[in-house]
């Protein structure tokens, strides 16, 4: 397994600065945001951005292995919005191919408590992913549907159901146990039981609960607003997530992809040390776990 840094953790830096930070922190690769108006990102509105990002990655010696778009309209019942979401994902797939990334994070549309017509939105989501899977397969890219609140796959159960329904090797699960933990959904053993055979990518972060009995609330998809949060973000290895157990299970199952440190400094800087410190300490913690869990001849 390799350890990647996520540019979610590098607000205020441009892409060269973010990749340099990852290299100095001892990381192997980068997962890069695909979004306008963020400095450490590939900009969807600029057709030259993917080629420029590829050149930056080459110059910094830090490969880009995944892209993270924020598109949520692929489950929309509005035709114009639905097609716009598909078109943005197609551009993201093309950008991933150009920079050499093999993974694209997928939000499974937008879904919040009180929304109506679940079946209709679900069908639109599955249809979008079936259509996009052909583009992804041709580009050598895997679309990884994240366990994520504010989408139709908050739980491991729903994520696995969607991926199995789409039924394409170009659509897999993005396993995020921290998300499942703070939403009070599946623990790590149940998550593996439900989706362990479908994992194509992994996000790693840590947290502590301010109130472990508080019900989960999130009115947005990308982040939990400060007034809704019942947790605090932490450096990996200093929170409640059982990463030795999780990584041990990944090793047992033969997972050999990336572990991306999704250091949430963009959203919650008040909880975390500066990125130079946080990425370095998180990477050190993951390296120690991998050394303990992966046989020497397989490292």
Protein backbone atom coordinates (compact mmCIF):
# COMPACT_ATOMS: atom_id res chain seq x y z
CA UNK A 1 0.00 0.00 0.00
CA UNK A 2 1.04 3.57 -0.61
CA UNK A 3 0.13 6.62 1.47
CA UNK A 4 -1.22 9.70 -0.29
CA UNK A 5 -1.97 13.20 0.87
CA UNK A 6 -5.25 14.93 0.05
CA UNK A 7 -5.25 18.59 -0.98
CA UNK A 8 -8.25 19.06 1.31
CA UNK A 9 -5.52 19.49 3.90
CA UNK A 10 -3.67 22.27 2.09
CA UNK A 11 -5.94 25.35 1.84
CA UNK A 12 -4.08 28.54 1.04
CA UNK A 13 -1.41 26.68 -0.92
CA UNK A 14 -1.22 26.21 -4.66
CA UNK A 15 -0.76 22.80 -6.21
CA UNK A 16 3.06 22.85 -6.37
CA UNK A 17 3.22 23.91 -2.73
CA UNK A 18 0.77 21.17 -1.71
CA UNK A 19 2.69 18.44 -3.54
CA UNK A 20 5.96 19.68 -2.06
CA UNK A 21 4.43 19.54 1.41
CA UNK A 22 3.35 15.93 0.81
CA UNK A 23 6.82 14.97 -0.34
CA UNK A 24 8.44 16.59 2.69
CA UNK A 25 5.94 14.79 4.95
CA UNK A 26 7.12 11.43 3.60
CA UNK A 27 4.07 10.66 1.48
CA UNK A 28 4.09 8.67 -1.74
CA UNK A 29 1.41 10.33 -3.83
CA UNK A 30 -1.39 12.90 -3.96
CA UNK A 31 -5.16 12.98 -4.22
CA UNK A 32 -6.15 16.31 -5.73
CA UNK A 33 -9.41 18.23 -5.54
CA UNK A 34 -11.17 18.84 -8.87
CA UNK A 35 -13.05 22.08 -8.25
CA UNK A 36 -13.08 25.74 -9.21
CA UNK A 37 -12.03 28.42 -6.72
CA UNK A 38 -9.63 26.29 -4.68
CA UNK A 39 -5.92 26.89 -5.02
CA UNK A 40 -4.61 23.32 -4.57
CA UNK A 41 -6.88 21.87 -7.22
CA UNK A 42 -7.36 21.06 -10.87
CA UNK A 43 -9.83 23.65 -12.16
CA UNK A 44 -12.71 22.16 -14.19
CA UNK A 45 -13.36 25.43 -16.04
CA UNK A 46 -9.79 25.57 -17.38
CA UNK A 47 -9.15 22.97 -20.12
CA UNK A 48 -5.40 23.52 -19.70
CA UNK A 49 -5.43 22.65 -15.99
CA UNK A 50 -4.96 18.85 -16.24
CA UNK A 51 -1.88 19.16 -18.44
CA UNK A 52 -0.44 21.81 -16.12
CA UNK A 53 -1.13 19.58 -13.10
CA UNK A 54 0.59 16.64 -14.78
CA UNK A 55 3.67 18.79 -15.39
CA UNK A 56 3.65 20.00 -11.78
CA UNK A 57 3.39 16.44 -10.46
CA UNK A 58 6.28 15.35 -12.65
CA UNK A 59 8.42 18.29 -11.58
CA UNK A 60 7.74 17.68 -7.89
CA UNK A 61 8.19 13.90 -8.14
CA UNK A 62 4.78 13.40 -6.54
CA UNK A 63 2.30 11.37 -8.67
CA UNK A 64 -1.38 12.26 -8.64
CA UNK A 65 -3.26 9.01 -8.11
CA UNK A 66 -6.82 10.25 -7.50
CA UNK A 67 -9.11 13.21 -8.16
CA UNK A 68 -11.91 14.47 -5.91
CA UNK A 69 -14.79 16.28 -7.62
CA UNK A 70 -17.74 17.72 -5.68
CA UNK A 71 -20.51 17.06 -8.19
CA UNK A 72 -23.80 16.01 -6.57
CA UNK A 73 -26.36 16.29 -9.39
CA UNK A 74 -26.00 12.78 -10.81
CA UNK A 75 -29.14 11.71 -8.94
CA UNK A 76 -31.17 14.76 -9.98
CA UNK A 77 -34.61 14.32 -11.49
CA UNK A 78 -34.07 17.49 -13.50
CA UNK A 79 -32.69 16.48 -16.89
CA UNK A 80 -30.54 19.58 -17.35
CA UNK A 81 -28.95 19.23 -13.93
CA UNK A 82 -28.45 15.48 -14.36
CA UNK A 83 -26.71 15.88 -17.70
CA UNK A 84 -24.54 18.70 -16.31
CA UNK A 85 -23.37 16.36 -13.55
CA UNK A 86 -22.56 13.61 -16.01
CA UNK A 87 -20.67 16.03 -18.24
CA UNK A 88 -18.57 17.27 -15.32
CA UNK A 89 -17.74 13.70 -14.33
CA UNK A 90 -16.73 12.95 -17.91
CA UNK A 91 -14.37 15.92 -17.87
CA UNK A 92 -13.00 14.74 -14.53
CA UNK A 93 -12.41 11.24 -15.91
CA UNK A 94 -10.55 12.75 -18.86
CA UNK A 95 -8.51 14.91 -16.49
CA UNK A 96 -7.68 11.88 -14.35
CA UNK A 97 -6.44 10.05 -17.41
CA UNK A 98 -4.28 13.01 -18.42
CA UNK A 99 -2.60 13.32 -15.02
CA UNK A 100 -2.20 9.54 -14.61
CA UNK A 101 -4.74 9.14 -11.81
CA UNK A 102 -6.58 5.83 -11.63
CA UNK A 103 -9.25 6.78 -9.06
CA UNK A 104 -12.04 9.36 -9.02
CA UNK A 105 -14.06 9.99 -5.86
CA UNK A 106 -17.82 9.91 -6.36
CA UNK A 107 -20.51 11.55 -4.26
CA UNK A 108 -23.62 9.40 -4.73
CA UNK A 109 -25.75 12.41 -5.57
CA UNK A 110 -27.28 14.58 -2.86
CA UNK A 111 -29.67 13.20 -0.24
CA UNK A 112 -30.77 14.59 3.12
CA UNK A 113 -33.42 13.70 5.70
CA UNK A 114 -36.83 14.80 4.48
CA UNK A 115 -36.03 14.44 0.77
CA UNK A 116 -38.69 12.67 -1.28
CA UNK A 117 -38.83 10.14 -4.15
CA UNK A 118 -35.88 8.04 -3.01
CA UNK A 119 -36.44 5.32 -5.62
CA UNK A 120 -36.56 7.79 -8.50
CA UNK A 121 -33.38 9.55 -7.37
CA UNK A 122 -31.67 6.19 -6.81
CA UNK A 123 -32.54 5.04 -10.32
CA UNK A 124 -31.11 8.25 -11.79
CA UNK A 125 -27.93 7.74 -9.77
CA UNK A 126 -27.48 4.15 -10.92
CA UNK A 127 -28.17 5.14 -14.53
CA UNK A 128 -25.56 7.90 -14.35
CA UNK A 129 -22.91 5.55 -12.96
CA UNK A 130 -23.67 2.91 -15.59
CA UNK A 131 -23.19 5.53 -18.28
CA UNK A 132 -20.02 6.91 -16.71
CA UNK A 133 -18.53 3.47 -16.11
CA UNK A 134 -17.92 3.03 -19.84
CA UNK A 135 -15.94 6.28 -20.02
CA UNK A 136 -14.02 5.34 -16.88
CA UNK A 137 -13.13 1.87 -18.13
CA UNK A 138 -11.88 3.27 -21.42
CA UNK A 139 -9.71 5.80 -19.56
CA UNK A 140 -8.31 3.24 -17.12
CA UNK A 141 -10.06 4.96 -14.22
CA UNK A 142 -12.13 3.51 -11.38
CA UNK A 143 -15.05 5.53 -10.01
CA UNK A 144 -15.08 5.08 -6.24
CA UNK A 145 -18.40 5.77 -4.48
CA UNK A 146 -17.74 7.13 -1.02
CA UNK A 147 -19.38 6.21 2.28
CA UNK A 148 -20.52 9.81 2.79
CA UNK A 149 -23.25 11.71 4.60
CA UNK A 150 -25.49 13.97 2.54
CA UNK A 151 -25.49 11.46 -0.32
CA UNK A 152 -27.45 8.33 -1.12
CA UNK A 153 -24.61 6.15 0.21
CA UNK A 154 -24.12 7.34 3.78
CA UNK A 155 -23.97 3.72 4.96
CA UNK A 156 -21.75 0.84 3.90
CA UNK A 157 -24.90 -1.12 3.20
CA UNK A 158 -26.22 1.41 0.70
CA UNK A 159 -22.81 1.93 -0.88
CA UNK A 160 -22.42 -1.79 -1.49
CA UNK A 161 -25.97 -2.07 -2.82
CA UNK A 162 -25.38 0.71 -5.34
CA UNK A 163 -22.04 -0.65 -6.56
CA UNK A 164 -23.49 -4.15 -6.97
CA UNK A 165 -26.51 -2.76 -8.81
CA UNK A 166 -24.33 -0.81 -11.26
CA UNK A 167 -22.31 -4.02 -11.73
CA UNK A 168 -19.17 -2.66 -13.38
CA UNK A 169 -15.51 -3.24 -12.44
CA UNK A 170 -15.04 0.48 -13.14
CA UNK A 171 -17.30 1.37 -10.17
CA UNK A 172 -16.07 0.42 -6.70
CA UNK A 173 -16.40 1.56 -3.08
CA UNK A 174 -14.41 4.34 -1.48
CA UNK A 175 -14.17 3.09 2.08
CA UNK A 176 -14.21 5.82 4.74
CA UNK A 177 -14.57 4.33 8.20
CA UNK A 178 -14.32 7.72 9.90
CA UNK A 179 -17.44 8.85 8.04
CA UNK A 180 -19.29 5.68 9.03
CA UNK A 181 -18.21 6.15 12.64
CA UNK A 182 -19.31 9.73 13.17
CA UNK A 183 -22.66 9.12 11.45
CA UNK A 184 -23.25 6.21 13.87
CA UNK A 185 -23.58 3.75 11.02
CA UNK A 186 -21.54 0.55 10.59
CA UNK A 187 -18.50 -0.27 12.72
CA UNK A 188 -15.45 -1.54 10.88
CA UNK A 189 -16.34 -5.22 11.14
CA UNK A 190 -19.82 -4.69 9.73
CA UNK A 191 -18.50 -2.35 7.05
CA UNK A 192 -16.10 -5.02 5.79
CA UNK A 193 -18.81 -7.67 5.92
CA UNK A 194 -21.01 -5.54 3.67
CA UNK A 195 -18.54 -3.95 1.24
CA UNK A 196 -15.14 -5.49 1.85
CA UNK A 197 -15.03 -7.24 -1.51
CA UNK A 198 -15.81 -4.01 -3.38
CA UNK A 199 -13.19 -1.59 -2.00
CA UNK A 200 -11.26 0.34 -4.64
CA UNK A 201 -9.91 3.22 -2.57
CA UNK A 202 -9.56 4.20 1.10
CA UNK A 203 -9.69 7.53 2.97
CA UNK A 204 -8.00 7.76 6.36
CA UNK A 205 -8.67 10.36 9.07
CA UNK A 206 -9.33 10.39 12.80
CA UNK A 207 -11.66 12.00 15.31
CA UNK A 208 -12.91 12.15 18.86
CA UNK A 209 -16.51 12.64 19.95
CA UNK A 210 -17.57 15.71 21.88
CA UNK A 211 -20.76 13.80 22.69
CA UNK A 212 -20.90 10.17 21.48
CA UNK A 213 -24.63 10.00 22.19
CA UNK A 214 -25.56 13.04 20.08
CA UNK A 215 -27.47 12.16 16.90
CA UNK A 216 -25.69 12.91 13.65
CA UNK A 217 -26.76 16.05 11.79
CA UNK A 218 -25.52 17.52 8.50
CA UNK A 219 -27.44 19.89 6.27
CA UNK A 220 -24.62 20.07 3.69
CA UNK A 221 -22.91 17.30 1.74
CA UNK A 222 -19.26 18.35 1.60
CA UNK A 223 -18.87 19.17 5.28
CA UNK A 224 -20.63 19.30 8.63
CA UNK A 225 -21.29 22.87 9.77
CA UNK A 226 -19.63 23.89 13.06
CA UNK A 227 -22.95 24.18 14.87
CA UNK A 228 -23.90 20.64 13.81
CA UNK A 229 -20.66 18.88 14.73
CA UNK A 230 -20.54 16.38 17.59
CA UNK A 231 -16.89 15.48 16.90
CA UNK A 232 -13.46 17.04 16.63
CA UNK A 233 -10.94 16.10 13.94
CA UNK A 234 -7.63 14.60 15.05
CA UNK A 235 -4.28 13.48 13.64
CA UNK A 236 -4.38 9.82 12.66
CA UNK A 237 -3.56 7.63 15.63
CA UNK A 238 -4.79 10.10 18.25
CA UNK A 239 -8.53 9.54 17.88
CA UNK A 240 -11.04 6.75 18.28
CA UNK A 241 -10.66 5.00 14.92
CA UNK A 242 -9.11 1.49 15.22
CA UNK A 243 -6.75 1.92 12.30
CA UNK A 244 -4.51 -1.07 13.18
CA UNK A 245 -7.56 -3.34 12.97
CA UNK A 246 -8.87 -1.73 9.78
CA UNK A 247 -5.54 -1.83 7.99
CA UNK A 248 -4.94 -5.38 9.18
CA UNK A 249 -8.23 -6.39 7.59
CA UNK A 250 -7.34 -4.58 4.36
CA UNK A 251 -4.04 -6.49 4.28
CA UNK A 252 -5.80 -9.80 4.91
CA UNK A 253 -8.17 -9.10 2.04
CA UNK A 254 -5.32 -8.31 -0.35
CA UNK A 255 -5.99 -4.59 -0.75
CA UNK A 256 -2.89 -3.04 -2.33
CA UNK A 257 -4.15 0.41 -3.30
CA UNK A 258 -3.69 3.79 -1.68
CA UNK A 259 -4.47 5.03 1.80
CA UNK A 260 -5.27 8.71 1.36
CA UNK A 261 -4.84 10.96 4.38
CA UNK A 262 -7.98 13.09 4.17
CA UNK A 263 -6.67 15.73 6.56
CA UNK A 264 -9.68 18.03 6.99
CA UNK A 265 -7.79 21.27 7.50
CA UNK A 266 -9.90 23.03 4.85
CA UNK A 267 -13.05 22.50 6.90
CA UNK A 268 -11.87 22.28 10.53
CA UNK A 269 -8.50 24.05 11.00
CA UNK A 270 -9.34 24.84 14.62
CA UNK A 271 -9.14 21.12 15.46
CA UNK A 272 -5.82 20.29 13.86
CA UNK A 273 -2.13 21.21 13.84
CA UNK A 274 -0.64 22.90 10.78
CA UNK A 275 -0.61 20.62 7.72
CA UNK A 276 3.18 20.22 7.78
CA UNK A 277 2.85 18.70 11.24
CA UNK A 278 -0.42 16.85 10.77
CA UNK A 279 0.50 15.09 7.53
CA UNK A 280 3.92 14.12 8.86
CA UNK A 281 2.54 12.70 12.12
CA UNK A 282 -0.34 10.92 10.37
CA UNK A 283 2.02 9.38 7.81
CA UNK A 284 4.32 8.23 10.60
CA UNK A 285 1.41 6.55 12.37
CA UNK A 286 0.29 4.77 9.20
CA UNK A 287 3.83 3.63 8.38
CA UNK A 288 4.13 2.07 11.83
CA UNK A 289 0.85 0.23 11.37
CA UNK A 290 1.84 -1.01 7.92
CA UNK A 291 5.20 -2.23 9.20
CA UNK A 292 3.37 -4.22 11.87
CA UNK A 293 0.67 -5.59 9.57
CA UNK A 294 2.36 -6.18 6.21
CA UNK A 295 4.88 -9.02 5.95
CA UNK A 296 8.40 -7.73 5.23
CA UNK A 297 8.61 -9.51 1.85
CA UNK A 298 5.42 -7.76 0.68
CA UNK A 299 6.39 -4.18 1.54
